[in-house]
Amino acid sequence: MMHRASRSRDRAMDAVEKESERRHAEAMAAH
């Protein structure tokens, strides 16, 4: 169960990281 939860958190963190990178790129383009 801990391994499954860890993998789930990793996937969620990857999604957050991708969204953050996208928003950063948009902000830099606007800048």
ModelCIF file with pLDDT and N, C-alpha, C, O atoms, coordinates in Angstrom:
data_MODEL
#
_entry.id   MODEL 
#
_entity.id                         1 
_entity.type                       polymer 
_entity.pdbx_number_of_molecules   1 
#
_entity_poly.entity_id                      1 
_entity_poly.type                           'polypeptide(L)' 
_entity_poly.nstd_linkage                   no 
_entity_poly.nstd_monomer                   no 
_entity_poly.pdbx_seq_one_letter_code       MMHRASRSRDRAMDAVEKESERRHAEAMAAH 
_entity_poly.pdbx_seq_one_letter_code_can   MMHRASRSRDRAMDAVEKESERRHAEAMAAH 
_entity_poly.pdbx_strand_id                 A 
#
loop_
_entity_poly_seq.entity_id 
_entity_poly_seq.num 
_entity_poly_seq.mon_id 
_entity_poly_seq.hetero 
1 1  MET n 
1 2  MET n 
1 3  HIS n 
1 4  ARG n 
1 5  ALA n 
1 6  SER n 
1 7  ARG n 
1 8  SER n 
1 9  ARG n 
1 10 ASP n 
1 11 ARG n 
1 12 ALA n 
1 13 MET n 
1 14 ASP n 
1 15 ALA n 
1 16 VAL n 
1 17 GLU n 
1 18 LYS n 
1 19 GLU n 
1 20 SER n 
1 21 GLU n 
1 22 ARG n 
1 23 ARG n 
1 24 HIS n 
1 25 ALA n 
1 26 GLU n 
1 27 ALA n 
1 28 MET n 
1 29 ALA n 
1 30 ALA n 
1 31 HIS n 
#
_struct_asym.id          A 
_struct_asym.entity_id   1 
#
loop_
_ma_qa_metric.id 
_ma_qa_metric.mode 
_ma_qa_metric.name 
_ma_qa_metric.software_group_id 
_ma_qa_metric.type 
1 global pLDDT . pLDDT 
2 local  pLDDT . pLDDT 
#
_ma_qa_metric_global.metric_id      1 
_ma_qa_metric_global.metric_value   97.35 
_ma_qa_metric_global.model_id       1 
_ma_qa_metric_global.ordinal_id     1 
#
loop_
_ma_qa_metric_local.label_asym_id 
_ma_qa_metric_local.label_comp_id 
_ma_qa_metric_local.label_seq_id 
_ma_qa_metric_local.metric_id 
_ma_qa_metric_local.metric_value 
_ma_qa_metric_local.model_id 
_ma_qa_metric_local.ordinal_id 
A MET 1  2 98.00 1 1  
A MET 2  2 98.00 1 2  
A HIS 3  2 98.00 1 3  
A ARG 4  2 98.00 1 4  
A ALA 5  2 98.00 1 5  
A SER 6  2 98.00 1 6  
A ARG 7  2 97.00 1 7  
A SER 8  2 97.00 1 8  
A ARG 9  2 97.00 1 9  
A ASP 10 2 97.00 1 10 
A ARG 11 2 97.00 1 11 
A ALA 12 2 97.00 1 12 
A MET 13 2 97.00 1 13 
A ASP 14 2 97.00 1 14 
A ALA 15 2 97.00 1 15 
A VAL 16 2 97.00 1 16 
A GLU 17 2 97.00 1 17 
A LYS 18 2 97.00 1 18 
A GLU 19 2 97.00 1 19 
A SER 20 2 98.00 1 20 
A GLU 21 2 97.00 1 21 
A ARG 22 2 98.00 1 22 
A ARG 23 2 97.00 1 23 
A HIS 24 2 98.00 1 24 
A ALA 25 2 97.00 1 25 
A GLU 26 2 97.00 1 26 
A ALA 27 2 98.00 1 27 
A MET 28 2 98.00 1 28 
A ALA 29 2 97.00 1 29 
A ALA 30 2 97.00 1 30 
A HIS 31 2 97.00 1 31 
#
loop_
_atom_site.group_PDB 
_atom_site.id 
_atom_site.type_symbol 
_atom_site.label_atom_id 
_atom_site.label_alt_id 
_atom_site.label_comp_id 
_atom_site.label_asym_id 
_atom_site.label_entity_id 
_atom_site.label_seq_id 
_atom_site.pdbx_PDB_ins_code 
_atom_site.Cartn_x 
_atom_site.Cartn_y 
_atom_site.Cartn_z 
_atom_site.occupancy 
_atom_site.B_iso_or_equiv 
_atom_site.pdbx_formal_charge 
_atom_site.auth_seq_id 
_atom_site.auth_comp_id 
_atom_site.auth_asym_id 
_atom_site.auth_atom_id 
_atom_site.pdbx_PDB_model_num 
ATOM 1   N N  . MET A 1 1  ? 0.833 -1.206 0.000   1.00 98.00 ? 1  MET A N  1 
ATOM 2   C CA . MET A 1 1  ? 0.000 0.000  0.000   1.00 98.00 ? 1  MET A CA 1 
ATOM 3   C C  . MET A 1 1  ? 0.868 1.255  0.000   1.00 98.00 ? 1  MET A C  1 
ATOM 4   O O  . MET A 1 1  ? 0.537 2.229  -0.677  1.00 98.00 ? 1  MET A O  1 
ATOM 5   N N  . MET A 1 2  ? 1.961 1.249  0.741   1.00 98.00 ? 2  MET A N  1 
ATOM 6   C CA . MET A 1 2  ? 2.864 2.402  0.755   1.00 98.00 ? 2  MET A CA 1 
ATOM 7   C C  . MET A 1 2  ? 3.489 2.609  -0.622  1.00 98.00 ? 2  MET A C  1 
ATOM 8   O O  . MET A 1 2  ? 3.644 3.743  -1.074  1.00 98.00 ? 2  MET A O  1 
ATOM 9   N N  . HIS A 1 3  ? 3.844 1.520  -1.280  1.00 98.00 ? 3  HIS A N  1 
ATOM 10  C CA . HIS A 1 3  ? 4.434 1.613  -2.618  1.00 98.00 ? 3  HIS A CA 1 
ATOM 11  C C  . HIS A 1 3  ? 3.413 2.193  -3.605  1.00 98.00 ? 3  HIS A C  1 
ATOM 12  O O  . HIS A 1 3  ? 3.747 3.058  -4.416  1.00 98.00 ? 3  HIS A O  1 
ATOM 13  N N  . ARG A 1 4  ? 2.178 1.713  -3.528  1.00 98.00 ? 4  ARG A N  1 
ATOM 14  C CA . ARG A 1 4  ? 1.123 2.243  -4.406  1.00 98.00 ? 4  ARG A CA 1 
ATOM 15  C C  . ARG A 1 4  ? 0.895 3.728  -4.160  1.00 98.00 ? 4  ARG A C  1 
ATOM 16  O O  . ARG A 1 4  ? 0.767 4.505  -5.106  1.00 98.00 ? 4  ARG A O  1 
ATOM 17  N N  . ALA A 1 5  ? 0.845 4.120  -2.896  1.00 98.00 ? 5  ALA A N  1 
ATOM 18  C CA . ALA A 1 5  ? 0.634 5.529  -2.556  1.00 98.00 ? 5  ALA A CA 1 
ATOM 19  C C  . ALA A 1 5  ? 1.802 6.379  -3.056  1.00 98.00 ? 5  ALA A C  1 
ATOM 20  O O  . ALA A 1 5  ? 1.605 7.498  -3.529  1.00 98.00 ? 5  ALA A O  1 
ATOM 21  N N  . SER A 1 6  ? 2.998 5.847  -2.950  1.00 98.00 ? 6  SER A N  1 
ATOM 22  C CA . SER A 1 6  ? 4.177 6.574  -3.419  1.00 98.00 ? 6  SER A CA 1 
ATOM 23  C C  . SER A 1 6  ? 4.127 6.783  -4.927  1.00 98.00 ? 6  SER A C  1 
ATOM 24  O O  . SER A 1 6  ? 4.429 7.871  -5.416  1.00 98.00 ? 6  SER A O  1 
ATOM 25  N N  . ARG A 1 7  ? 3.750 5.756  -5.654  1.00 97.00 ? 7  ARG A N  1 
ATOM 26  C CA . ARG A 1 7  ? 3.636 5.884  -7.110  1.00 97.00 ? 7  ARG A CA 1 
ATOM 27  C C  . ARG A 1 7  ? 2.542 6.878  -7.486  1.00 97.00 ? 7  ARG A C  1 
ATOM 28  O O  . ARG A 1 7  ? 2.693 7.654  -8.430  1.00 97.00 ? 7  ARG A O  1 
ATOM 29  N N  . SER A 1 8  ? 1.448 6.846  -6.744  1.00 97.00 ? 8  SER A N  1 
ATOM 30  C CA . SER A 1 8  ? 0.357 7.788  -7.000  1.00 97.00 ? 8  SER A CA 1 
ATOM 31  C C  . SER A 1 8  ? 0.826 9.220  -6.743  1.00 97.00 ? 8  SER A C  1 
ATOM 32  O O  . SER A 1 8  ? 0.531 10.122 -7.527  1.00 97.00 ? 8  SER A O  1 
ATOM 33  N N  . ARG A 1 9  ? 1.551 9.429  -5.650  1.00 97.00 ? 9  ARG A N  1 
ATOM 34  C CA . ARG A 1 9  ? 2.085 10.765 -5.363  1.00 97.00 ? 9  ARG A CA 1 
ATOM 35  C C  . ARG A 1 9  ? 3.072 11.199 -6.433  1.00 97.00 ? 9  ARG A C  1 
ATOM 36  O O  . ARG A 1 9  ? 3.089 12.367 -6.823  1.00 97.00 ? 9  ARG A O  1 
ATOM 37  N N  . ASP A 1 10 ? 3.894 10.272 -6.914  1.00 97.00 ? 10 ASP A N  1 
ATOM 38  C CA . ASP A 1 10 ? 4.853 10.602 -7.977  1.00 97.00 ? 10 ASP A CA 1 
ATOM 39  C C  . ASP A 1 10 ? 4.119 11.061 -9.240  1.00 97.00 ? 10 ASP A C  1 
ATOM 40  O O  . ASP A 1 10 ? 4.515 12.042 -9.870  1.00 97.00 ? 10 ASP A O  1 
ATOM 41  N N  . ARG A 1 11 ? 3.048 10.349 -9.607  1.00 97.00 ? 11 ARG A N  1 
ATOM 42  C CA . ARG A 1 11 ? 2.283 10.746 -10.794 1.00 97.00 ? 11 ARG A CA 1 
ATOM 43  C C  . ARG A 1 11 ? 1.648 12.128 -10.587 1.00 97.00 ? 11 ARG A C  1 
ATOM 44  O O  . ARG A 1 11 ? 1.661 12.967 -11.488 1.00 97.00 ? 11 ARG A O  1 
ATOM 45  N N  . ALA A 1 12 ? 1.103 12.350 -9.410  1.00 97.00 ? 12 ALA A N  1 
ATOM 46  C CA . ALA A 1 12 ? 0.486 13.651 -9.114  1.00 97.00 ? 12 ALA A CA 1 
ATOM 47  C C  . ALA A 1 12 ? 1.542 14.752 -9.148  1.00 97.00 ? 12 ALA A C  1 
ATOM 48  O O  . ALA A 1 12 ? 1.292 15.841 -9.666  1.00 97.00 ? 12 ALA A O  1 
ATOM 49  N N  . MET A 1 13 ? 2.712 14.470 -8.600  1.00 97.00 ? 13 MET A N  1 
ATOM 50  C CA . MET A 1 13 ? 3.780 15.467 -8.586  1.00 97.00 ? 13 MET A CA 1 
ATOM 51  C C  . MET A 1 13 ? 4.275 15.758 -9.998  1.00 97.00 ? 13 MET A C  1 
ATOM 52  O O  . MET A 1 13 ? 4.598 16.902 -10.319 1.00 97.00 ? 13 MET A O  1 
ATOM 53  N N  . ASP A 1 14 ? 4.335 14.734 -10.841 1.00 97.00 ? 14 ASP A N  1 
ATOM 54  C CA . ASP A 1 14 ? 4.727 14.947 -12.237 1.00 97.00 ? 14 ASP A CA 1 
ATOM 55  C C  . ASP A 1 14 ? 3.728 15.865 -12.935 1.00 97.00 ? 14 ASP A C  1 
ATOM 56  O O  . ASP A 1 14 ? 4.117 16.756 -13.690 1.00 97.00 ? 14 ASP A O  1 
ATOM 57  N N  . ALA A 1 15 ? 2.440 15.643 -12.679 1.00 97.00 ? 15 ALA A N  1 
ATOM 58  C CA . ALA A 1 15 ? 1.407 16.484 -13.296 1.00 97.00 ? 15 ALA A CA 1 
ATOM 59  C C  . ALA A 1 15 ? 1.532 17.924 -12.806 1.00 97.00 ? 15 ALA A C  1 
ATOM 60  O O  . ALA A 1 15 ? 1.409 18.862 -13.593 1.00 97.00 ? 15 ALA A O  1 
ATOM 61  N N  . VAL A 1 16 ? 1.776 18.099 -11.513 1.00 97.00 ? 16 VAL A N  1 
ATOM 62  C CA . VAL A 1 16 ? 1.940 19.442 -10.959 1.00 97.00 ? 16 VAL A CA 1 
ATOM 63  C C  . VAL A 1 16 ? 3.176 20.115 -11.559 1.00 97.00 ? 16 VAL A C  1 
ATOM 64  O O  . VAL A 1 16 ? 3.155 21.300 -11.889 1.00 97.00 ? 16 VAL A O  1 
ATOM 65  N N  . GLU A 1 17 ? 4.245 19.343 -11.691 1.00 97.00 ? 17 GLU A N  1 
ATOM 66  C CA . GLU A 1 17 ? 5.486 19.887 -12.248 1.00 97.00 ? 17 GLU A CA 1 
ATOM 67  C C  . GLU A 1 17 ? 5.294 20.316 -13.704 1.00 97.00 ? 17 GLU A C  1 
ATOM 68  O O  . GLU A 1 17 ? 5.768 21.378 -14.108 1.00 97.00 ? 17 GLU A O  1 
ATOM 69  N N  . LYS A 1 18 ? 4.602 19.494 -14.485 1.00 97.00 ? 18 LYS A N  1 
ATOM 70  C CA . LYS A 1 18 ? 4.351 19.856 -15.888 1.00 97.00 ? 18 LYS A CA 1 
ATOM 71  C C  . LYS A 1 18 ? 3.498 21.118 -15.985 1.00 97.00 ? 18 LYS A C  1 
ATOM 72  O O  . LYS A 1 18 ? 3.768 21.998 -16.801 1.00 97.00 ? 18 LYS A O  1 
ATOM 73  N N  . GLU A 1 19 ? 2.470 21.196 -15.150 1.00 97.00 ? 19 GLU A N  1 
ATOM 74  C CA . GLU A 1 19 ? 1.614 22.389 -15.144 1.00 97.00 ? 19 GLU A CA 1 
ATOM 75  C C  . GLU A 1 19 ? 2.421 23.616 -14.723 1.00 97.00 ? 19 GLU A C  1 
ATOM 76  O O  . GLU A 1 19 ? 2.260 24.695 -15.294 1.00 97.00 ? 19 GLU A O  1 
ATOM 77  N N  . SER A 1 20 ? 3.273 23.451 -13.742 1.00 98.00 ? 20 SER A N  1 
ATOM 78  C CA . SER A 1 20 ? 4.104 24.559 -13.282 1.00 98.00 ? 20 SER A CA 1 
ATOM 79  C C  . SER A 1 20 ? 5.052 25.022 -14.385 1.00 98.00 ? 20 SER A C  1 
ATOM 80  O O  . SER A 1 20 ? 5.236 26.222 -14.589 1.00 98.00 ? 20 SER A O  1 
ATOM 81  N N  . GLU A 1 21 ? 5.645 24.078 -15.089 1.00 97.00 ? 21 GLU A N  1 
ATOM 82  C CA . GLU A 1 21 ? 6.538 24.435 -16.194 1.00 97.00 ? 21 GLU A CA 1 
ATOM 83  C C  . GLU A 1 21 ? 5.768 25.159 -17.303 1.00 97.00 ? 21 GLU A C  1 
ATOM 84  O O  . GLU A 1 21 ? 6.276 26.116 -17.888 1.00 97.00 ? 21 GLU A O  1 
ATOM 85  N N  . ARG A 1 22 ? 4.542 24.704 -17.594 1.00 98.00 ? 22 ARG A N  1 
ATOM 86  C CA . ARG A 1 22 ? 3.726 25.349 -18.617 1.00 98.00 ? 22 ARG A CA 1 
ATOM 87  C C  . ARG A 1 22 ? 3.389 26.782 -18.212 1.00 98.00 ? 22 ARG A C  1 
ATOM 88  O O  . ARG A 1 22 ? 3.497 27.707 -19.017 1.00 98.00 ? 22 ARG A O  1 
ATOM 89  N N  . ARG A 1 23 ? 2.981 26.952 -16.957 1.00 97.00 ? 23 ARG A N  1 
ATOM 90  C CA . ARG A 1 23 ? 2.644 28.287 -16.478 1.00 97.00 ? 23 ARG A CA 1 
ATOM 91  C C  . ARG A 1 23 ? 3.872 29.194 -16.458 1.00 97.00 ? 23 ARG A C  1 
ATOM 92  O O  . ARG A 1 23 ? 3.775 30.385 -16.751 1.00 97.00 ? 23 ARG A O  1 
ATOM 93  N N  . HIS A 1 24 ? 5.018 28.628 -16.113 1.00 98.00 ? 24 HIS A N  1 
ATOM 94  C CA . HIS A 1 24 ? 6.253 29.412 -16.109 1.00 98.00 ? 24 HIS A CA 1 
ATOM 95  C C  . HIS A 1 24 ? 6.582 29.869 -17.530 1.00 98.00 ? 24 HIS A C  1 
ATOM 96  O O  . HIS A 1 24 ? 6.957 31.021 -17.749 1.00 98.00 ? 24 HIS A O  1 
ATOM 97  N N  . ALA A 1 25 ? 6.438 28.963 -18.486 1.00 97.00 ? 25 ALA A N  1 
ATOM 98  C CA . ALA A 1 25 ? 6.722 29.318 -19.881 1.00 97.00 ? 25 ALA A CA 1 
ATOM 99  C C  . ALA A 1 25 ? 5.776 30.429 -20.348 1.00 97.00 ? 25 ALA A C  1 
ATOM 100 O O  . ALA A 1 25 ? 6.197 31.353 -21.044 1.00 97.00 ? 25 ALA A O  1 
ATOM 101 N N  . GLU A 1 26 ? 4.503 30.338 -19.964 1.00 97.00 ? 26 GLU A N  1 
ATOM 102 C CA . GLU A 1 26 ? 3.546 31.391 -20.325 1.00 97.00 ? 26 GLU A CA 1 
ATOM 103 C C  . GLU A 1 26 ? 3.937 32.721 -19.688 1.00 97.00 ? 26 GLU A C  1 
ATOM 104 O O  . GLU A 1 26 ? 3.884 33.768 -20.333 1.00 97.00 ? 26 GLU A O  1 
ATOM 105 N N  . ALA A 1 27 ? 4.323 32.670 -18.436 1.00 98.00 ? 27 ALA A N  1 
ATOM 106 C CA . ALA A 1 27 ? 4.711 33.901 -17.735 1.00 98.00 ? 27 ALA A CA 1 
ATOM 107 C C  . ALA A 1 27 ? 5.954 34.515 -18.364 1.00 98.00 ? 27 ALA A C  1 
ATOM 108 O O  . ALA A 1 27 ? 6.045 35.735 -18.506 1.00 98.00 ? 27 ALA A O  1 
ATOM 109 N N  . MET A 1 28 ? 6.905 33.677 -18.737 1.00 98.00 ? 28 MET A N  1 
ATOM 110 C CA . MET A 1 28 ? 8.127 34.192 -19.357 1.00 98.00 ? 28 MET A CA 1 
ATOM 111 C C  . MET A 1 28 ? 7.830 34.785 -20.736 1.00 98.00 ? 28 MET A C  1 
ATOM 112 O O  . MET A 1 28 ? 8.424 35.792 -21.118 1.00 98.00 ? 28 MET A O  1 
ATOM 113 N N  . ALA A 1 29 ? 6.915 34.166 -21.481 1.00 97.00 ? 29 ALA A N  1 
ATOM 114 C CA . ALA A 1 29 ? 6.532 34.702 -22.789 1.00 97.00 ? 29 ALA A CA 1 
ATOM 115 C C  . ALA A 1 29 ? 5.834 36.055 -22.609 1.00 97.00 ? 29 ALA A C  1 
ATOM 116 O O  . ALA A 1 29 ? 6.096 36.994 -23.360 1.00 97.00 ? 29 ALA A O  1 
ATOM 117 N N  . ALA A 1 30 ? 4.954 36.152 -21.621 1.00 97.00 ? 30 ALA A N  1 
ATOM 118 C CA . ALA A 1 30 ? 4.271 37.429 -21.350 1.00 97.00 ? 30 ALA A CA 1 
ATOM 119 C C  . ALA A 1 30 ? 5.286 38.483 -20.919 1.00 97.00 ? 30 ALA A C  1 
ATOM 120 O O  . ALA A 1 30 ? 5.190 39.645 -21.313 1.00 97.00 ? 30 ALA A O  1 
ATOM 121 N N  . HIS A 1 31 ? 6.249 38.074 -20.115 1.00 97.00 ? 31 HIS A N  1 
ATOM 122 C CA . HIS A 1 31 ? 7.292 39.002 -19.675 1.00 97.00 ? 31 HIS A CA 1 
ATOM 123 C C  . HIS A 1 31 ? 8.102 39.491 -20.876 1.00 97.00 ? 31 HIS A C  1 
ATOM 124 O O  . HIS A 1 31 ? 9.031 40.283 -20.714 1.00 97.00 ? 31 HIS A O  1 
#
